[in-house]
PDB file of N, CA and C in Angstrom:
ATOM      1  N   PRO A   1      10.249  -0.740   4.203  1.00  0.00           N
ATOM      2  CA  PRO A   1      11.341  -1.048   5.117  1.00  0.00           C
ATOM      3  C   PRO A   1      11.246  -0.231   6.405  1.00  0.00           C
ATOM      4  N   GLU A   2      11.775  -0.761   7.452  1.00  0.00           N
ATOM      5  CA  GLU A   2      11.701  -0.098   8.741  1.00  0.00           C
ATOM      6  C   GLU A   2      12.676   1.064   8.838  1.00  0.00           C
ATOM      7  N   ARG A   3      12.321   2.055   9.620  1.00  0.00           N
ATOM      8  CA  ARG A   3      13.118   3.265   9.783  1.00  0.00           C
ATOM      9  C   ARG A   3      14.522   2.955  10.277  1.00  0.00           C
ATOM     10  N   GLU A   4      14.650   2.071  11.248  1.00  0.00           N
ATOM     11  CA  GLU A   4      15.955   1.766  11.818  1.00  0.00           C
ATOM     12  C   GLU A   4      16.885   1.146  10.784  1.00  0.00           C
ATOM     13  N   ALA A   5      16.369   0.252   9.965  1.00  0.00           N
ATOM     14  CA  ALA A   5      17.189  -0.398   8.942  1.00  0.00           C
ATOM     15  C   ALA A   5      17.639   0.610   7.893  1.00  0.00           C
ATOM     16  N   ILE A   6      16.745   1.495   7.478  1.00  0.00           N
ATOM     17  CA  ILE A   6      17.097   2.521   6.498  1.00  0.00           C
ATOM     18  C   ILE A   6      18.125   3.476   7.085  1.00  0.00           C
ATOM     19  N   THR A   7      17.893   3.914   8.317  1.00  0.00           N
ATOM     20  CA  THR A   7      18.823   4.838   8.973  1.00  0.00           C
ATOM     21  C   THR A   7      20.199   4.198   9.108  1.00  0.00           C
ATOM     22  N   HIS A   8      20.259   2.941   9.499  1.00  0.00           N
ATOM     23  CA  HIS A   8      21.537   2.246   9.678  1.00  0.00           C
ATOM     24  C   HIS A   8      22.292   2.139   8.356  1.00  0.00           C
ATOM     25  N   LEU A   9      21.604   1.866   7.260  1.00  0.00           N
ATOM     26  CA  LEU A   9      22.259   1.664   5.981  1.00  0.00           C
ATOM     27  C   LEU A   9      22.603   2.973   5.274  1.00  0.00           C
ATOM     28  N   LEU A  10      21.732   3.964   5.328  1.00  0.00           N
ATOM     29  CA  LEU A  10      21.917   5.175   4.536  1.00  0.00           C
ATOM     30  C   LEU A  10      22.528   6.354   5.278  1.00  0.00           C
ATOM     31  N   CYS A  11      22.324   6.438   6.581  1.00  0.00           N
ATOM     32  CA  CYS A  11      22.754   7.631   7.320  1.00  0.00           C
ATOM     33  C   CYS A  11      24.076   7.417   8.046  1.00  0.00           C
ATOM     34  N   ILE A  12      24.800   8.530   8.236  1.00  0.00           N
ATOM     35  CA  ILE A  12      26.008   8.535   9.045  1.00  0.00           C
ATOM     36  C   ILE A  12      25.598   8.234  10.485  1.00  0.00           C
ATOM     37  N   LEU A  13      26.451   7.573  11.231  1.00  0.00           N
ATOM     38  CA  LEU A  13      26.167   7.236  12.617  1.00  0.00           C
ATOM     39  C   LEU A  13      25.770   8.489  13.400  1.00  0.00           C
ATOM     40  N   GLY A  14      24.631   8.455  14.051  1.00  0.00           N
ATOM     41  CA  GLY A  14      24.143   9.580  14.841  1.00  0.00           C
ATOM     42  C   GLY A  14      23.234  10.526  14.072  1.00  0.00           C
ATOM     43  N   GLN A  15      23.093  10.323  12.770  1.00  0.00           N
ATOM     44  CA  GLN A  15      22.218  11.168  11.955  1.00  0.00           C
ATOM     45  C   GLN A  15      20.903  10.446  11.701  1.00  0.00           C
ATOM     46  N   ASP A  16      19.907  11.185  11.240  1.00  0.00           N
ATOM     47  CA  ASP A  16      18.573  10.614  11.060  1.00  0.00           C
ATOM     48  C   ASP A  16      17.841  11.395   9.982  1.00  0.00           C
ATOM     49  N   PHE A  17      16.574  11.074   9.820  1.00  0.00           N
ATOM     50  CA  PHE A  17      15.706  11.751   8.874  1.00  0.00           C
ATOM     51  C   PHE A  17      15.456  13.189   9.309  1.00  0.00           C
ATOM     52  N   THR A  18      14.935  13.996   8.384  1.00  0.00           N
ATOM     53  CA  THR A  18      14.399  15.309   8.706  1.00  0.00           C
ATOM     54  C   THR A  18      12.911  15.093   8.954  1.00  0.00           C
ATOM     55  N   TYR A  19      12.375  15.701  10.014  1.00  0.00           N
ATOM     56  CA  TYR A  19      10.982  15.484  10.401  1.00  0.00           C
ATOM     57  C   TYR A  19      10.165  16.761  10.268  1.00  0.00           C
ATOM     58  N   THR A  20       8.843  16.604  10.121  1.00  0.00           N
ATOM     59  CA  THR A  20       7.928  17.737  10.143  1.00  0.00           C
ATOM     60  C   THR A  20       7.599  18.060  11.599  1.00  0.00           C
ATOM     61  N   ALA A  21       6.826  19.127  11.817  1.00  0.00           N
ATOM     62  CA  ALA A  21       6.400  19.483  13.174  1.00  0.00           C
ATOM     63  C   ALA A  21       5.519  18.397  13.774  1.00  0.00           C
ATOM     64  N   ALA A  22       4.832  17.632  12.920  1.00  0.00           N
ATOM     65  CA  ALA A  22       3.965  16.552  13.377  1.00  0.00           C
ATOM     66  C   ALA A  22       4.738  15.241  13.576  1.00  0.00           C
ATOM     67  N   LYS A  23       6.076  15.311  13.581  1.00  0.00           N
ATOM     68  CA  LYS A  23       6.943  14.137  13.792  1.00  0.00           C
ATOM     69  C   LYS A  23       6.837  13.098  12.681  1.00  0.00           C
ATOM     70  N   ARG A  24       6.557  13.541  11.462  1.00  0.00           N
ATOM     71  CA  ARG A  24       6.498  12.653  10.305  1.00  0.00           C
ATOM     72  C   ARG A  24       7.828  12.737   9.554  1.00  0.00           C
ATOM     73  N   ARG A  25       8.390  11.583   9.192  1.00  0.00           N
ATOM     74  CA  ARG A  25       9.639  11.575   8.429  1.00  0.00           C
ATOM     75  C   ARG A  25       9.400  12.219   7.074  1.00  0.00           C
ATOM     76  N   VAL A  26      10.299  13.101   6.695  1.00  0.00           N
ATOM     77  CA  VAL A  26      10.123  13.797   5.428  1.00  0.00           C
ATOM     78  C   VAL A  26      11.174  13.368   4.408  1.00  0.00           C
ATOM     79  N   ARG A  27      12.427  13.432   4.786  1.00  0.00           N
ATOM     80  CA  ARG A  27      13.495  13.165   3.828  1.00  0.00           C
ATOM     81  C   ARG A  27      14.810  12.938   4.552  1.00  0.00           C
ATOM     82  N   ILE A  28      15.791  12.494   3.788  1.00  0.00           N
ATOM     83  CA  ILE A  28      17.156  12.359   4.289  1.00  0.00           C
ATOM     84  C   ILE A  28      18.001  13.349   3.502  1.00  0.00           C
ATOM     85  N   MET A  29      18.689  14.211   4.194  1.00  0.00           N
ATOM     86  CA  MET A  29      19.541  15.200   3.545  1.00  0.00           C
ATOM     87  C   MET A  29      20.863  14.548   3.128  1.00  0.00           C
ATOM     88  N   ARG A  30      21.421  14.995   2.018  1.00  0.00           N
ATOM     89  CA  ARG A  30      22.671  14.441   1.495  1.00  0.00           C
ATOM     90  C   ARG A  30      23.791  14.500   2.539  1.00  0.00           C
ATOM     91  N   ALA A  31      23.870  15.577   3.289  1.00  0.00           N
ATOM     92  CA  ALA A  31      24.934  15.745   4.286  1.00  0.00           C
ATOM     93  C   ALA A  31      24.849  14.710   5.407  1.00  0.00           C
ATOM     94  N   LYS A  32      23.700  14.099   5.603  1.00  0.00           N
ATOM     95  CA  LYS A  32      23.518  13.101   6.658  1.00  0.00           C
ATOM     96  C   LYS A  32      23.744  11.677   6.158  1.00  0.00           C
ATOM     97  N   MET A  33      24.043  11.503   4.853  1.00  0.00           N
ATOM     98  CA  MET A  33      24.187  10.172   4.266  1.00  0.00           C
ATOM     99  C   MET A  33      25.637   9.710   4.262  1.00  0.00           C
ATOM    100  N   THR A  34      25.799   8.405   4.258  1.00  0.00           N
ATOM    101  CA  THR A  34      27.130   7.823   4.093  1.00  0.00           C
ATOM    102  C   THR A  34      27.602   8.081   2.667  1.00  0.00           C
ATOM    103  N   THR A  35      28.879   7.908   2.425  1.00  0.00           N
ATOM    104  CA  THR A  35      29.430   8.126   1.093  1.00  0.00           C
ATOM    105  C   THR A  35      28.789   7.187   0.075  1.00  0.00           C
ATOM    106  N   LEU A  36      28.626   5.916   0.431  1.00  0.00           N
ATOM    107  CA  LEU A  36      28.014   4.951  -0.482  1.00  0.00           C
ATOM    108  C   LEU A  36      26.572   5.344  -0.808  1.00  0.00           C
ATOM    109  N   ALA A  37      25.818   5.786   0.175  1.00  0.00           N
ATOM    110  CA  ALA A  37      24.439   6.211  -0.065  1.00  0.00           C
ATOM    111  C   ALA A  37      24.404   7.447  -0.962  1.00  0.00           C
ATOM    112  N   GLN A  38      25.364   8.353  -0.807  1.00  0.00           N
ATOM    113  CA  GLN A  38      25.432   9.528  -1.673  1.00  0.00           C
ATOM    114  C   GLN A  38      25.710   9.130  -3.120  1.00  0.00           C
ATOM    115  N   ILE A  39      26.589   8.165  -3.311  1.00  0.00           N
ATOM    116  CA  ILE A  39      26.904   7.682  -4.662  1.00  0.00           C
ATOM    117  C   ILE A  39      25.681   7.029  -5.275  1.00  0.00           C
ATOM    118  N   GLN A  40      25.003   6.174  -4.504  1.00  0.00           N
ATOM    119  CA  GLN A  40      23.794   5.523  -5.020  1.00  0.00           C
ATOM    120  C   GLN A  40      22.708   6.543  -5.320  1.00  0.00           C
ATOM    121  N   MET A  41      22.577   7.572  -4.474  1.00  0.00           N
ATOM    122  CA  MET A  41      21.589   8.614  -4.702  1.00  0.00           C
ATOM    123  C   MET A  41      21.904   9.376  -5.989  1.00  0.00           C
ATOM    124  N   THR A  42      23.173   9.683  -6.204  1.00  0.00           N
ATOM    125  CA  THR A  42      23.573  10.391  -7.419  1.00  0.00           C
ATOM    126  C   THR A  42      23.255   9.559  -8.651  1.00  0.00           C
ATOM    127  N   LEU A  43      23.556   8.277  -8.605  1.00  0.00           N
ATOM    128  CA  LEU A  43      23.220   7.381  -9.712  1.00  0.00           C
ATOM    129  C   LEU A  43      21.717   7.378  -9.966  1.00  0.00           C
ATOM    130  N   LEU A  44      20.950   7.231  -8.921  1.00  0.00           N
ATOM    131  CA  LEU A  44      19.493   7.190  -9.038  1.00  0.00           C
ATOM    132  C   LEU A  44      18.944   8.486  -9.619  1.00  0.00           C
ATOM    133  N   LEU A  45      19.374   9.628  -9.080  1.00  0.00           N
ATOM    134  CA  LEU A  45      18.801  10.906  -9.486  1.00  0.00           C
ATOM    135  C   LEU A  45      19.382  11.439 -10.783  1.00  0.00           C
ATOM    136  N   SER A  46      20.530  10.960 -11.203  1.00  0.00           N
ATOM    137  CA  SER A  46      21.123  11.428 -12.451  1.00  0.00           C
ATOM    138  C   SER A  46      20.735  10.580 -13.645  1.00  0.00           C
ATOM    139  N   ASN A  47      20.585   9.285 -13.432  1.00  0.00           N
ATOM    140  CA  ASN A  47      20.377   8.383 -14.560  1.00  0.00           C
ATOM    141  C   ASN A  47      19.008   7.717 -14.612  1.00  0.00           C
ATOM    142  N   ILE A  48      18.456   7.387 -13.482  1.00  0.00           N
ATOM    143  CA  ILE A  48      17.210   6.626 -13.463  1.00  0.00           C
ATOM    144  C   ILE A  48      16.000   7.534 -13.303  1.00  0.00           C
ATOM    145  N   LEU A  49      16.068   8.472 -12.367  1.00  0.00           N
ATOM    146  CA  LEU A  49      14.981   9.424 -12.113  1.00  0.00           C
ATOM    147  C   LEU A  49      15.539  10.844 -12.168  1.00  0.00           C
ATOM    148  N   PRO A  50      15.843  11.348 -13.360  1.00  0.00           N
ATOM    149  CA  PRO A  50      16.454  12.678 -13.449  1.00  0.00           C
ATOM    150  C   PRO A  50      15.655  13.727 -12.687  1.00  0.00           C
ATOM    151  N   ASN A  51      16.397  14.583 -11.995  1.00  0.00           N
ATOM    152  CA  ASN A  51      15.779  15.584 -11.153  1.00  0.00           C
ATOM    153  C   ASN A  51      16.731  16.773 -11.054  1.00  0.00           C
ATOM    154  N   ASP A  52      16.198  17.970 -10.964  1.00  0.00           N
ATOM    155  CA  ASP A  52      17.052  19.139 -10.861  1.00  0.00           C
ATOM    156  C   ASP A  52      17.429  19.445  -9.414  1.00  0.00           C
ATOM    157  N   ARG A  53      16.822  18.771  -8.476  1.00  0.00           N
ATOM    158  CA  ARG A  53      17.116  18.989  -7.063  1.00  0.00           C
ATOM    159  C   ARG A  53      17.699  17.715  -6.471  1.00  0.00           C
ATOM    160  N   ASN A  54      18.973  17.741  -6.143  1.00  0.00           N
ATOM    161  CA  ASN A  54      19.651  16.535  -5.673  1.00  0.00           C
ATOM    162  C   ASN A  54      20.237  16.676  -4.285  1.00  0.00           C
ATOM    163  N   ALA A  55      19.631  17.501  -3.444  1.00  0.00           N
ATOM    164  CA  ALA A  55      20.162  17.712  -2.105  1.00  0.00           C
ATOM    165  C   ALA A  55      19.571  16.772  -1.065  1.00  0.00           C
ATOM    166  N   ASP A  56      18.476  16.107  -1.398  1.00  0.00           N
ATOM    167  CA  ASP A  56      17.825  15.246  -0.420  1.00  0.00           C
ATOM    168  C   ASP A  56      17.002  14.178  -1.121  1.00  0.00           C
ATOM    169  N   LEU A  57      16.507  13.252  -0.339  1.00  0.00           N
ATOM    170  CA  LEU A  57      15.668  12.173  -0.860  1.00  0.00           C
ATOM    171  C   LEU A  57      14.351  12.126  -0.119  1.00  0.00           C
ATOM    172  N   PRO A  58      13.229  12.273  -0.832  1.00  0.00           N
ATOM    173  CA  PRO A  58      11.934  12.060  -0.201  1.00  0.00           C
ATOM    174  C   PRO A  58      11.715  10.556   0.015  1.00  0.00           C
ATOM    175  N   PRO A  59      10.705  10.184   0.796  1.00  0.00           N
ATOM    176  CA  PRO A  59      10.529   8.773   1.184  1.00  0.00           C
ATOM    177  C   PRO A  59      10.526   7.757   0.049  1.00  0.00           C
ATOM    178  N   TRP A  60       9.802   7.981  -1.006  1.00  0.00           N
ATOM    179  CA  TRP A  60       9.743   6.942  -2.048  1.00  0.00           C
ATOM    180  C   TRP A  60      11.074   6.781  -2.754  1.00  0.00           C
ATOM    181  N   LYS A  61      11.898   7.817  -2.788  1.00  0.00           N
ATOM    182  CA  LYS A  61      13.208   7.692  -3.421  1.00  0.00           C
ATOM    183  C   LYS A  61      14.239   7.070  -2.484  1.00  0.00           C
ATOM    184  N   TYR A  62      14.199   7.394  -1.184  1.00  0.00           N
ATOM    185  CA  TYR A  62      15.187   6.764  -0.297  1.00  0.00           C
ATOM    186  C   TYR A  62      14.902   5.283  -0.149  1.00  0.00           C
ATOM    187  N   GLN A  63      13.661   4.852  -0.348  1.00  0.00           N
ATOM    188  CA  GLN A  63      13.370   3.427  -0.329  1.00  0.00           C
ATOM    189  C   GLN A  63      13.993   2.742  -1.541  1.00  0.00           C
ATOM    190  N   LEU A  64      14.040   3.431  -2.689  1.00  0.00           N
ATOM    191  CA  LEU A  64      14.720   2.881  -3.857  1.00  0.00           C
ATOM    192  C   LEU A  64      16.216   2.732  -3.609  1.00  0.00           C
ATOM    193  N   VAL A  65      16.835   3.736  -3.007  1.00  0.00           N
ATOM    194  CA  VAL A  65      18.264   3.662  -2.699  1.00  0.00           C
ATOM    195  C   VAL A  65      18.504   2.542  -1.689  1.00  0.00           C
ATOM    196  N   TYR A  66      17.605   2.359  -0.755  1.00  0.00           N
ATOM    197  CA  TYR A  66      17.741   1.312   0.267  1.00  0.00           C
ATOM    198  C   TYR A  66      17.756  -0.086  -0.353  1.00  0.00           C
ATOM    199  N   VAL A  67      16.944  -0.309  -1.363  1.00  0.00           N
ATOM    200  CA  VAL A  67      16.842  -1.662  -1.911  1.00  0.00           C
ATOM    201  C   VAL A  67      17.897  -1.959  -2.978  1.00  0.00           C
ATOM    202  N   VAL A  68      18.639  -0.948  -3.438  1.00  0.00           N
ATOM    203  CA  VAL A  68      19.707  -1.175  -4.398  1.00  0.00           C
ATOM    204  C   VAL A  68      20.815  -1.941  -3.678  1.00  0.00           C
ATOM    205  N   PRO A  69      21.220  -3.071  -4.230  1.00  0.00           N
ATOM    206  CA  PRO A  69      22.265  -3.852  -3.538  1.00  0.00           C
ATOM    207  C   PRO A  69      23.582  -3.089  -3.491  1.00  0.00           C
ATOM    208  N   THR A  70      24.300  -3.284  -2.400  1.00  0.00           N
ATOM    209  CA  THR A  70      25.587  -2.594  -2.235  1.00  0.00           C
ATOM    210  C   THR A  70      26.730  -3.469  -2.670  1.00  0.00           C
TER     211      THR A  70
END
């Protein structure tokens, strides 16, 4: 999926991905996500892909949250 579509659906207005020094998208921080995206992320990371770190989403996981129907 394209960056703009993911940003529009998952991020709060005016927020974006976290980038590396080489301008590569790394992750979306929980604080930058909409409430619905945070709920979907919690569902994903608690039940489907258990993880001990739930503060952000790396690319392959935010794509999963993006494709989950709202």
